[in-house]
Amino acid sequence: MAFAAGKFELYNAMIALWLEFSHHVPVDLTGMGDEVVERDGRYFVRYDCGSHFSIWREDEITAAQARQATLGPMHLNNMVLSLHNDLTAKGINWSVSNYKPDFN
């Protein structure tokens, strides 16, 4: 377990360095169901965290996490896993929907 946690921490450090010192072309996430949105200068990821049926969540993320998500599906998934760890540490159950769509 410690090896997996260390490997994931190393991956996150590598992504942080790459984002800080590189320019990249964002990947279009349309059609994958998941999306990163910006509202009033704040970033949010909207994603399906269910396994057998859809459970939609929308959580606030940092600008660096938003850039990481645009690198591609694997990076988006890793960012969401890291987000789940952060939510769990705060005592938030990430497997419960908090998404309230605005149909107006």
PDB file of N, CA and C in Angstrom:
ATOM      1  N   MET A   1       0.823  -1.184   0.000  1.00  0.00           N
ATOM      2  CA  MET A   1       0.000   0.000   0.000  1.00  0.00           C
ATOM      3  C   MET A   1       0.877   1.262   0.000  1.00  0.00           C
ATOM      4  N   ALA A   2       1.953   1.239   0.760  1.00  0.00           N
ATOM      5  CA  ALA A   2       2.835   2.401   0.823  1.00  0.00           C
ATOM      6  C   ALA A   2       3.488   2.655  -0.535  1.00  0.00           C
ATOM      7  N   PHE A   3       3.812   1.570  -1.264  1.00  0.00           N
ATOM      8  CA  PHE A   3       4.419   1.733  -2.588  1.00  0.00           C
ATOM      9  C   PHE A   3       3.446   2.426  -3.530  1.00  0.00           C
ATOM     10  N   ALA A   4       2.178   1.992  -3.542  1.00  0.00           N
ATOM     11  CA  ALA A   4       1.176   2.593  -4.421  1.00  0.00           C
ATOM     12  C   ALA A   4       0.966   4.066  -4.076  1.00  0.00           C
ATOM     13  N   ALA A   5       0.913   4.387  -2.795  1.00  0.00           N
ATOM     14  CA  ALA A   5       0.733   5.781  -2.370  1.00  0.00           C
ATOM     15  C   ALA A   5       1.941   6.618  -2.781  1.00  0.00           C
ATOM     16  N   GLY A   6       3.137   6.078  -2.620  1.00  0.00           N
ATOM     17  CA  GLY A   6       4.354   6.786  -3.017  1.00  0.00           C
ATOM     18  C   GLY A   6       4.417   7.000  -4.518  1.00  0.00           C
ATOM     19  N   LYS A   7       3.984   6.002  -5.286  1.00  0.00           N
ATOM     20  CA  LYS A   7       3.980   6.108  -6.742  1.00  0.00           C
ATOM     21  C   LYS A   7       2.997   7.187  -7.189  1.00  0.00           C
ATOM     22  N   PHE A   8       1.822   7.235  -6.561  1.00  0.00           N
ATOM     23  CA  PHE A   8       0.813   8.231  -6.903  1.00  0.00           C
ATOM     24  C   PHE A   8       1.291   9.629  -6.517  1.00  0.00           C
ATOM     25  N   GLU A   9       1.973   9.744  -5.389  1.00  0.00           N
ATOM     26  CA  GLU A   9       2.522  11.034  -4.956  1.00  0.00           C
ATOM     27  C   GLU A   9       3.593  11.507  -5.941  1.00  0.00           C
ATOM     28  N   LEU A  10       4.421  10.593  -6.407  1.00  0.00           N
ATOM     29  CA  LEU A  10       5.451  10.923  -7.385  1.00  0.00           C
ATOM     30  C   LEU A  10       4.818  11.375  -8.705  1.00  0.00           C
ATOM     31  N   TYR A  11       3.761  10.683  -9.139  1.00  0.00           N
ATOM     32  CA  TYR A  11       3.042  11.073 -10.356  1.00  0.00           C
ATOM     33  C   TYR A  11       2.511  12.501 -10.208  1.00  0.00           C
ATOM     34  N   ASN A  12       1.868  12.813  -9.079  1.00  0.00           N
ATOM     35  CA  ASN A  12       1.317  14.149  -8.866  1.00  0.00           C
ATOM     36  C   ASN A  12       2.409  15.214  -8.854  1.00  0.00           C
ATOM     37  N   ALA A  13       3.567  14.907  -8.283  1.00  0.00           N
ATOM     38  CA  ALA A  13       4.687  15.854  -8.273  1.00  0.00           C
ATOM     39  C   ALA A  13       5.205  16.079  -9.687  1.00  0.00           C
ATOM     40  N   MET A  14       5.278  15.019 -10.483  1.00  0.00           N
ATOM     41  CA  MET A  14       5.741  15.124 -11.866  1.00  0.00           C
ATOM     42  C   MET A  14       4.774  15.970 -12.682  1.00  0.00           C
ATOM     43  N   ILE A  15       3.478  15.770 -12.524  1.00  0.00           N
ATOM     44  CA  ILE A  15       2.475  16.557 -13.248  1.00  0.00           C
ATOM     45  C   ILE A  15       2.575  18.026 -12.835  1.00  0.00           C
ATOM     46  N   ALA A  16       2.743  18.296 -11.550  1.00  0.00           N
ATOM     47  CA  ALA A  16       2.854  19.679 -11.071  1.00  0.00           C
ATOM     48  C   ALA A  16       4.054  20.381 -11.718  1.00  0.00           C
ATOM     49  N   LEU A  17       5.185  19.695 -11.776  1.00  0.00           N
ATOM     50  CA  LEU A  17       6.371  20.281 -12.411  1.00  0.00           C
ATOM     51  C   LEU A  17       6.152  20.493 -13.901  1.00  0.00           C
ATOM     52  N   TRP A  18       5.572  19.513 -14.569  1.00  0.00           N
ATOM     53  CA  TRP A  18       5.342  19.616 -16.002  1.00  0.00           C
ATOM     54  C   TRP A  18       4.408  20.783 -16.306  1.00  0.00           C
ATOM     55  N   LEU A  19       3.344  20.928 -15.528  1.00  0.00           N
ATOM     56  CA  LEU A  19       2.402  22.023 -15.754  1.00  0.00           C
ATOM     57  C   LEU A  19       3.041  23.385 -15.486  1.00  0.00           C
ATOM     58  N   GLU A  20       3.935  23.436 -14.513  1.00  0.00           N
ATOM     59  CA  GLU A  20       4.571  24.703 -14.156  1.00  0.00           C
ATOM     60  C   GLU A  20       5.561  25.173 -15.224  1.00  0.00           C
ATOM     61  N   PHE A  21       6.262  24.229 -15.842  1.00  0.00           N
ATOM     62  CA  PHE A  21       7.347  24.612 -16.734  1.00  0.00           C
ATOM     63  C   PHE A  21       7.108  24.290 -18.210  1.00  0.00           C
ATOM     64  N   SER A  22       5.919  23.830 -18.572  1.00  0.00           N
ATOM     65  CA  SER A  22       5.652  23.462 -19.959  1.00  0.00           C
ATOM     66  C   SER A  22       4.386  24.130 -20.460  1.00  0.00           C
ATOM     67  N   HIS A  23       4.294  24.222 -21.757  1.00  0.00           N
ATOM     68  CA  HIS A  23       3.071  24.666 -22.404  1.00  0.00           C
ATOM     69  C   HIS A  23       2.455  23.438 -23.052  1.00  0.00           C
ATOM     70  N   HIS A  24       1.169  23.327 -22.990  1.00  0.00           N
ATOM     71  CA  HIS A  24       0.521  22.163 -23.573  1.00  0.00           C
ATOM     72  C   HIS A  24      -0.768  22.578 -24.263  1.00  0.00           C
ATOM     73  N   VAL A  25      -1.233  21.722 -25.140  1.00  0.00           N
ATOM     74  CA  VAL A  25      -2.489  21.955 -25.839  1.00  0.00           C
ATOM     75  C   VAL A  25      -3.566  21.170 -25.111  1.00  0.00           C
ATOM     76  N   PRO A  26      -4.595  21.847 -24.607  1.00  0.00           N
ATOM     77  CA  PRO A  26      -5.656  21.126 -23.891  1.00  0.00           C
ATOM     78  C   PRO A  26      -6.366  20.104 -24.775  1.00  0.00           C
ATOM     79  N   VAL A  27      -6.793  19.022 -24.174  1.00  0.00           N
ATOM     80  CA  VAL A  27      -7.541  17.983 -24.863  1.00  0.00           C
ATOM     81  C   VAL A  27      -9.022  18.296 -24.732  1.00  0.00           C
ATOM     82  N   ASP A  28      -9.777  18.114 -25.800  1.00  0.00           N
ATOM     83  CA  ASP A  28     -11.216  18.333 -25.755  1.00  0.00           C
ATOM     84  C   ASP A  28     -11.864  17.162 -25.024  1.00  0.00           C
ATOM     85  N   LEU A  29     -12.490  17.448 -23.888  1.00  0.00           N
ATOM     86  CA  LEU A  29     -13.108  16.387 -23.087  1.00  0.00           C
ATOM     87  C   LEU A  29     -14.554  16.120 -23.474  1.00  0.00           C
ATOM     88  N   THR A  30     -15.072  16.822 -24.484  1.00  0.00           N
ATOM     89  CA  THR A  30     -16.469  16.628 -24.865  1.00  0.00           C
ATOM     90  C   THR A  30     -16.671  15.214 -25.369  1.00  0.00           C
ATOM     91  N   GLY A  31     -17.778  14.654 -25.008  1.00  0.00           N
ATOM     92  CA  GLY A  31     -18.091  13.297 -25.419  1.00  0.00           C
ATOM     93  C   GLY A  31     -17.669  12.261 -24.401  1.00  0.00           C
ATOM     94  N   MET A  32     -16.818  12.629 -23.451  1.00  0.00           N
ATOM     95  CA  MET A  32     -16.397  11.676 -22.429  1.00  0.00           C
ATOM     96  C   MET A  32     -17.345  11.705 -21.238  1.00  0.00           C
ATOM     97  N   GLY A  33     -18.213  12.706 -21.180  1.00  0.00           N
ATOM     98  CA  GLY A  33     -19.141  12.810 -20.060  1.00  0.00           C
ATOM     99  C   GLY A  33     -18.619  13.699 -18.955  1.00  0.00           C
ATOM    100  N   ASP A  34     -17.327  13.663 -18.717  1.00  0.00           N
ATOM    101  CA  ASP A  34     -16.722  14.483 -17.677  1.00  0.00           C
ATOM    102  C   ASP A  34     -16.341  15.826 -18.273  1.00  0.00           C
ATOM    103  N   GLU A  35     -16.369  16.873 -17.447  1.00  0.00           N
ATOM    104  CA  GLU A  35     -15.973  18.167 -17.962  1.00  0.00           C
ATOM    105  C   GLU A  35     -15.423  19.044 -16.854  1.00  0.00           C
ATOM    106  N   VAL A  36     -14.548  19.952 -17.254  1.00  0.00           N
ATOM    107  CA  VAL A  36     -13.996  20.972 -16.369  1.00  0.00           C
ATOM    108  C   VAL A  36     -14.613  22.289 -16.803  1.00  0.00           C
ATOM    109  N   VAL A  37     -15.193  23.005 -15.854  1.00  0.00           N
ATOM    110  CA  VAL A  37     -15.827  24.278 -16.177  1.00  0.00           C
ATOM    111  C   VAL A  37     -15.241  25.379 -15.305  1.00  0.00           C
ATOM    112  N   GLU A  38     -15.261  26.598 -15.832  1.00  0.00           N
ATOM    113  CA  GLU A  38     -14.804  27.760 -15.080  1.00  0.00           C
ATOM    114  C   GLU A  38     -15.997  28.685 -14.885  1.00  0.00           C
ATOM    115  N   ARG A  39     -16.211  29.096 -13.641  1.00  0.00           N
ATOM    116  CA  ARG A  39     -17.263  30.045 -13.308  1.00  0.00           C
ATOM    117  C   ARG A  39     -16.689  31.078 -12.358  1.00  0.00           C
ATOM    118  N   ASP A  40     -16.733  32.325 -12.767  1.00  0.00           N
ATOM    119  CA  ASP A  40     -16.260  33.435 -11.929  1.00  0.00           C
ATOM    120  C   ASP A  40     -14.826  33.229 -11.441  1.00  0.00           C
ATOM    121  N   GLY A  41     -13.967  32.720 -12.321  1.00  0.00           N
ATOM    122  CA  GLY A  41     -12.565  32.529 -11.967  1.00  0.00           C
ATOM    123  C   GLY A  41     -12.285  31.306 -11.107  1.00  0.00           C
ATOM    124  N   ARG A  42     -13.300  30.503 -10.834  1.00  0.00           N
ATOM    125  CA  ARG A  42     -13.131  29.266 -10.051  1.00  0.00           C
ATOM    126  C   ARG A  42     -13.358  28.074 -10.985  1.00  0.00           C
ATOM    127  N   TYR A  43     -12.660  26.973 -10.714  1.00  0.00           N
ATOM    128  CA  TYR A  43     -12.732  25.795 -11.567  1.00  0.00           C
ATOM    129  C   TYR A  43     -13.493  24.674 -10.858  1.00  0.00           C
ATOM    130  N   PHE A  44     -14.269  23.943 -11.650  1.00  0.00           N
ATOM    131  CA  PHE A  44     -15.052  22.823 -11.137  1.00  0.00           C
ATOM    132  C   PHE A  44     -14.913  21.657 -12.100  1.00  0.00           C
ATOM    133  N   VAL A  45     -14.901  20.447 -11.542  1.00  0.00           N
ATOM    134  CA  VAL A  45     -14.933  19.252 -12.378  1.00  0.00           C
ATOM    135  C   VAL A  45     -16.288  18.591 -12.156  1.00  0.00           C
ATOM    136  N   ARG A  46     -16.943  18.267 -13.254  1.00  0.00           N
ATOM    137  CA  ARG A  46     -18.232  17.584 -13.221  1.00  0.00           C
ATOM    138  C   ARG A  46     -17.974  16.181 -13.776  1.00  0.00           C
ATOM    139  N   TYR A  47     -18.275  15.159 -12.986  1.00  0.00           N
ATOM    140  CA  TYR A  47     -17.891  13.802 -13.379  1.00  0.00           C
ATOM    141  C   TYR A  47     -18.862  12.775 -12.808  1.00  0.00           C
ATOM    142  N   ASP A  48     -18.833  11.589 -13.398  1.00  0.00           N
ATOM    143  CA  ASP A  48     -19.657  10.466 -12.958  1.00  0.00           C
ATOM    144  C   ASP A  48     -18.799   9.587 -12.055  1.00  0.00           C
ATOM    145  N   CYS A  49     -19.178   9.485 -10.771  1.00  0.00           N
ATOM    146  CA  CYS A  49     -18.385   8.681  -9.834  1.00  0.00           C
ATOM    147  C   CYS A  49     -19.066   7.347  -9.530  1.00  0.00           C
ATOM    148  N   GLY A  50     -20.115   6.999 -10.268  1.00  0.00           N
ATOM    149  CA  GLY A  50     -20.814   5.733 -10.058  1.00  0.00           C
ATOM    150  C   GLY A  50     -20.147   4.603 -10.817  1.00  0.00           C
ATOM    151  N   SER A  51     -20.469   3.379 -10.439  1.00  0.00           N
ATOM    152  CA  SER A  51     -19.895   2.243 -11.159  1.00  0.00           C
ATOM    153  C   SER A  51     -20.975   1.518 -11.969  1.00  0.00           C
ATOM    154  N   HIS A  52     -22.083   1.161 -11.343  1.00  0.00           N
ATOM    155  CA  HIS A  52     -23.140   0.435 -12.057  1.00  0.00           C
ATOM    156  C   HIS A  52     -24.234   1.362 -12.570  1.00  0.00           C
ATOM    157  N   PHE A  53     -24.318   2.540 -12.039  1.00  0.00           N
ATOM    158  CA  PHE A  53     -25.255   3.551 -12.520  1.00  0.00           C
ATOM    159  C   PHE A  53     -24.638   4.922 -12.292  1.00  0.00           C
ATOM    160  N   SER A  54     -25.177   5.909 -12.953  1.00  0.00           N
ATOM    161  CA  SER A  54     -24.571   7.241 -12.907  1.00  0.00           C
ATOM    162  C   SER A  54     -24.802   7.931 -11.565  1.00  0.00           C
ATOM    163  N   ILE A  55     -23.728   8.410 -10.981  1.00  0.00           N
ATOM    164  CA  ILE A  55     -23.775   9.251  -9.789  1.00  0.00           C
ATOM    165  C   ILE A  55     -22.922  10.473 -10.121  1.00  0.00           C
ATOM    166  N   TRP A  56     -23.582  11.591 -10.412  1.00  0.00           N
ATOM    167  CA  TRP A  56     -22.866  12.790 -10.851  1.00  0.00           C
ATOM    168  C   TRP A  56     -22.465  13.653  -9.680  1.00  0.00           C
ATOM    169  N   ARG A  57     -21.245  14.154  -9.743  1.00  0.00           N
ATOM    170  CA  ARG A  57     -20.719  15.094  -8.746  1.00  0.00           C
ATOM    171  C   ARG A  57     -20.127  16.294  -9.460  1.00  0.00           C
ATOM    172  N   GLU A  58     -20.093  17.394  -8.745  1.00  0.00           N
ATOM    173  CA  GLU A  58     -19.367  18.576  -9.210  1.00  0.00           C
ATOM    174  C   GLU A  58     -18.602  19.101  -8.018  1.00  0.00           C
ATOM    175  N   ASP A  59     -17.280  19.132  -8.147  1.00  0.00           N
ATOM    176  CA  ASP A  59     -16.425  19.570  -7.051  1.00  0.00           C
ATOM    177  C   ASP A  59     -15.493  20.668  -7.534  1.00  0.00           C
ATOM    178  N   GLU A  60     -15.192  21.608  -6.638  1.00  0.00           N
ATOM    179  CA  GLU A  60     -14.260  22.680  -6.962  1.00  0.00           C
ATOM    180  C   GLU A  60     -12.840  22.126  -6.972  1.00  0.00           C
ATOM    181  N   ILE A  61     -12.068  22.583  -7.953  1.00  0.00           N
ATOM    182  CA  ILE A  61     -10.669  22.161  -8.081  1.00  0.00           C
ATOM    183  C   ILE A  61      -9.801  23.397  -8.293  1.00  0.00           C
ATOM    184  N   THR A  62      -8.501  23.214  -8.184  1.00  0.00           N
ATOM    185  CA  THR A  62      -7.563  24.313  -8.395  1.00  0.00           C
ATOM    186  C   THR A  62      -7.310  24.494  -9.894  1.00  0.00           C
ATOM    187  N   ALA A  63      -6.692  25.606 -10.245  1.00  0.00           N
ATOM    188  CA  ALA A  63      -6.336  25.859 -11.643  1.00  0.00           C
ATOM    189  C   ALA A  63      -5.358  24.798 -12.145  1.00  0.00           C
ATOM    190  N   ALA A  64      -4.425  24.381 -11.295  1.00  0.00           N
ATOM    191  CA  ALA A  64      -3.459  23.340 -11.688  1.00  0.00           C
ATOM    192  C   ALA A  64      -4.172  22.011 -11.938  1.00  0.00           C
ATOM    193  N   GLN A  65      -5.149  21.672 -11.117  1.00  0.00           N
ATOM    194  CA  GLN A  65      -5.912  20.447 -11.335  1.00  0.00           C
ATOM    195  C   GLN A  65      -6.721  20.540 -12.627  1.00  0.00           C
ATOM    196  N   ALA A  66      -7.253  21.715 -12.924  1.00  0.00           N
ATOM    197  CA  ALA A  66      -8.001  21.909 -14.168  1.00  0.00           C
ATOM    198  C   ALA A  66      -7.088  21.695 -15.374  1.00  0.00           C
ATOM    199  N   ARG A  67      -5.863  22.247 -15.316  1.00  0.00           N
ATOM    200  CA  ARG A  67      -4.915  22.045 -16.413  1.00  0.00           C
ATOM    201  C   ARG A  67      -4.540  20.575 -16.535  1.00  0.00           C
ATOM    202  N   GLN A  68      -4.350  19.898 -15.410  1.00  0.00           N
ATOM    203  CA  GLN A  68      -4.014  18.473 -15.436  1.00  0.00           C
ATOM    204  C   GLN A  68      -5.111  17.678 -16.128  1.00  0.00           C
ATOM    205  N   ALA A  69      -6.352  18.005 -15.836  1.00  0.00           N
ATOM    206  CA  ALA A  69      -7.481  17.267 -16.417  1.00  0.00           C
ATOM    207  C   ALA A  69      -7.533  17.402 -17.927  1.00  0.00           C
ATOM    208  N   THR A  70      -7.040  18.518 -18.470  1.00  0.00           N
ATOM    209  CA  THR A  70      -7.095  18.723 -19.910  1.00  0.00           C
ATOM    210  C   THR A  70      -5.998  17.972 -20.667  1.00  0.00           C
ATOM    211  N   LEU A  71      -5.124  17.298 -19.949  1.00  0.00           N
ATOM    212  CA  LEU A  71      -4.041  16.565 -20.609  1.00  0.00           C
ATOM    213  C   LEU A  71      -4.521  15.272 -21.242  1.00  0.00           C
ATOM    214  N   GLY A  72      -5.664  14.763 -20.817  1.00  0.00           N
ATOM    215  CA  GLY A  72      -6.207  13.538 -21.396  1.00  0.00           C
ATOM    216  C   GLY A  72      -6.931  12.705 -20.358  1.00  0.00           C
ATOM    217  N   PRO A  73      -7.601  11.654 -20.815  1.00  0.00           N
ATOM    218  CA  PRO A  73      -8.432  10.837 -19.926  1.00  0.00           C
ATOM    219  C   PRO A  73      -7.697  10.254 -18.723  1.00  0.00           C
ATOM    220  N   MET A  74      -6.483   9.737 -18.924  1.00  0.00           N
ATOM    221  CA  MET A  74      -5.740   9.151 -17.811  1.00  0.00           C
ATOM    222  C   MET A  74      -5.444  10.205 -16.743  1.00  0.00           C
ATOM    223  N   HIS A  75      -5.071  11.406 -17.180  1.00  0.00           N
ATOM    224  CA  HIS A  75      -4.730  12.467 -16.244  1.00  0.00           C
ATOM    225  C   HIS A  75      -5.981  12.989 -15.530  1.00  0.00           C
ATOM    226  N   LEU A  76      -7.085  13.041 -16.247  1.00  0.00           N
ATOM    227  CA  LEU A  76      -8.352  13.417 -15.618  1.00  0.00           C
ATOM    228  C   LEU A  76      -8.717  12.406 -14.537  1.00  0.00           C
ATOM    229  N   ASN A  77      -8.595  11.125 -14.851  1.00  0.00           N
ATOM    230  CA  ASN A  77      -8.909  10.084 -13.864  1.00  0.00           C
ATOM    231  C   ASN A  77      -7.995  10.170 -12.652  1.00  0.00           C
ATOM    232  N   ASN A  78      -6.703  10.396 -12.875  1.00  0.00           N
ATOM    233  CA  ASN A  78      -5.778  10.519 -11.751  1.00  0.00           C
ATOM    234  C   ASN A  78      -6.090  11.740 -10.904  1.00  0.00           C
ATOM    235  N   MET A  79      -6.490  12.837 -11.550  1.00  0.00           N
ATOM    236  CA  MET A  79      -6.852  14.041 -10.810  1.00  0.00           C
ATOM    237  C   MET A  79      -8.092  13.782  -9.957  1.00  0.00           C
ATOM    238  N   VAL A  80      -9.068  13.072 -10.516  1.00  0.00           N
ATOM    239  CA  VAL A  80     -10.288  12.759  -9.764  1.00  0.00           C
ATOM    240  C   VAL A  80      -9.970  11.824  -8.595  1.00  0.00           C
ATOM    241  N   LEU A  81      -9.089  10.858  -8.784  1.00  0.00           N
ATOM    242  CA  LEU A  81      -8.689   9.978  -7.675  1.00  0.00           C
ATOM    243  C   LEU A  81      -8.036  10.779  -6.558  1.00  0.00           C
ATOM    244  N   SER A  82      -7.179  11.721  -6.925  1.00  0.00           N
ATOM    245  CA  SER A  82      -6.551  12.585  -5.937  1.00  0.00           C
ATOM    246  C   SER A  82      -7.603  13.445  -5.232  1.00  0.00           C
ATOM    247  N   LEU A  83      -8.564  13.943  -5.997  1.00  0.00           N
ATOM    248  CA  LEU A  83      -9.663  14.717  -5.427  1.00  0.00           C
ATOM    249  C   LEU A  83     -10.460  13.873  -4.437  1.00  0.00           C
ATOM    250  N   HIS A  84     -10.710  12.608  -4.779  1.00  0.00           N
ATOM    251  CA  HIS A  84     -11.426  11.711  -3.868  1.00  0.00           C
ATOM    252  C   HIS A  84     -10.660  11.535  -2.556  1.00  0.00           C
ATOM    253  N   ASN A  85      -9.346  11.422  -2.631  1.00  0.00           N
ATOM    254  CA  ASN A  85      -8.532  11.315  -1.409  1.00  0.00           C
ATOM    255  C   ASN A  85      -8.682  12.569  -0.552  1.00  0.00           C
ATOM    256  N   ASP A  86      -8.665  13.736  -1.204  1.00  0.00           N
ATOM    257  CA  ASP A  86      -8.825  15.004  -0.469  1.00  0.00           C
ATOM    258  C   ASP A  86     -10.207  15.092   0.179  1.00  0.00           C
ATOM    259  N   LEU A  87     -11.244  14.710  -0.570  1.00  0.00           N
ATOM    260  CA  LEU A  87     -12.605  14.755  -0.027  1.00  0.00           C
ATOM    261  C   LEU A  87     -12.762  13.799   1.149  1.00  0.00           C
ATOM    262  N   THR A  88     -12.197  12.601   1.029  1.00  0.00           N
ATOM    263  CA  THR A  88     -12.261  11.619   2.114  1.00  0.00           C
ATOM    264  C   THR A  88     -11.567  12.152   3.360  1.00  0.00           C
ATOM    265  N   ALA A  89     -10.404  12.795   3.179  1.00  0.00           N
ATOM    266  CA  ALA A  89      -9.671  13.365   4.314  1.00  0.00           C
ATOM    267  C   ALA A  89     -10.483  14.450   5.013  1.00  0.00           C
ATOM    268  N   LYS A  90     -11.349  15.144   4.262  1.00  0.00           N
ATOM    269  CA  LYS A  90     -12.207  16.183   4.843  1.00  0.00           C
ATOM    270  C   LYS A  90     -13.505  15.617   5.412  1.00  0.00           C
ATOM    271  N   GLY A  91     -13.676  14.292   5.305  1.00  0.00           N
ATOM    272  CA  GLY A  91     -14.882  13.654   5.826  1.00  0.00           C
ATOM    273  C   GLY A  91     -16.072  13.725   4.882  1.00  0.00           C
ATOM    274  N   ILE A  92     -15.825  13.998   3.612  1.00  0.00           N
ATOM    275  CA  ILE A  92     -16.896  14.095   2.613  1.00  0.00           C
ATOM    276  C   ILE A  92     -16.991  12.780   1.860  1.00  0.00           C
ATOM    277  N   ASN A  93     -18.198  12.244   1.746  1.00  0.00           N
ATOM    278  CA  ASN A  93     -18.429  11.006   1.010  1.00  0.00           C
ATOM    279  C   ASN A  93     -18.541  11.335  -0.475  1.00  0.00           C
ATOM    280  N   TRP A  94     -17.497  11.056  -1.245  1.00  0.00           N
ATOM    281  CA  TRP A  94     -17.461  11.414  -2.658  1.00  0.00           C
ATOM    282  C   TRP A  94     -18.354  10.527  -3.508  1.00  0.00           C
ATOM    283  N   SER A  95     -18.870   9.436  -2.969  1.00  0.00           N
ATOM    284  CA  SER A  95     -19.712   8.535  -3.763  1.00  0.00           C
ATOM    285  C   SER A  95     -21.188   8.928  -3.720  1.00  0.00           C
ATOM    286  N   VAL A  96     -21.481  10.074  -3.110  1.00  0.00           N
ATOM    287  CA  VAL A  96     -22.845  10.584  -3.036  1.00  0.00           C
ATOM    288  C   VAL A  96     -22.947  11.796  -3.957  1.00  0.00           C
ATOM    289  N   SER A  97     -23.989  11.823  -4.776  1.00  0.00           N
ATOM    290  CA  SER A  97     -24.155  12.919  -5.724  1.00  0.00           C
ATOM    291  C   SER A  97     -24.378  14.244  -5.004  1.00  0.00           C
ATOM    292  N   ASN A  98     -23.728  15.272  -5.517  1.00  0.00           N
ATOM    293  CA  ASN A  98     -23.961  16.642  -5.030  1.00  0.00           C
ATOM    294  C   ASN A  98     -24.315  17.565  -6.185  1.00  0.00           C
ATOM    295  N   TYR A  99     -24.554  16.981  -7.340  1.00  0.00           N
ATOM    296  CA  TYR A  99     -24.781  17.748  -8.568  1.00  0.00           C
ATOM    297  C   TYR A  99     -26.250  18.097  -8.720  1.00  0.00           C
ATOM    298  N   LYS A 100     -26.509  19.382  -8.855  1.00  0.00           N
ATOM    299  CA  LYS A 100     -27.869  19.880  -9.055  1.00  0.00           C
ATOM    300  C   LYS A 100     -27.880  20.613 -10.395  1.00  0.00           C
ATOM    301  N   PRO A 101     -28.302  19.933 -11.475  1.00  0.00           N
ATOM    302  CA  PRO A 101     -28.298  20.596 -12.778  1.00  0.00           C
ATOM    303  C   PRO A 101     -29.268  21.752 -12.824  1.00  0.00           C
ATOM    304  N   ASP A 102     -28.888  22.783 -13.558  1.00  0.00           N
ATOM    305  CA  ASP A 102     -29.727  23.952 -13.743  1.00  0.00           C
ATOM    306  C   ASP A 102     -30.401  23.842 -15.097  1.00  0.00           C
ATOM    307  N   PHE A 103     -31.679  23.528 -15.097  1.00  0.00           N
ATOM    308  CA  PHE A 103     -32.388  23.320 -16.356  1.00  0.00           C
ATOM    309  C   PHE A 103     -33.050  24.594 -16.869  1.00  0.00           C
ATOM    310  N   ASN A 104     -32.811  25.728 -16.219  1.00  0.00           N
ATOM    311  CA  ASN A 104     -33.434  26.991 -16.660  1.00  0.00           C
ATOM    312  C   ASN A 104     -32.660  27.617 -17.785  1.00  0.00           C
TER     313      ASN A 104
END
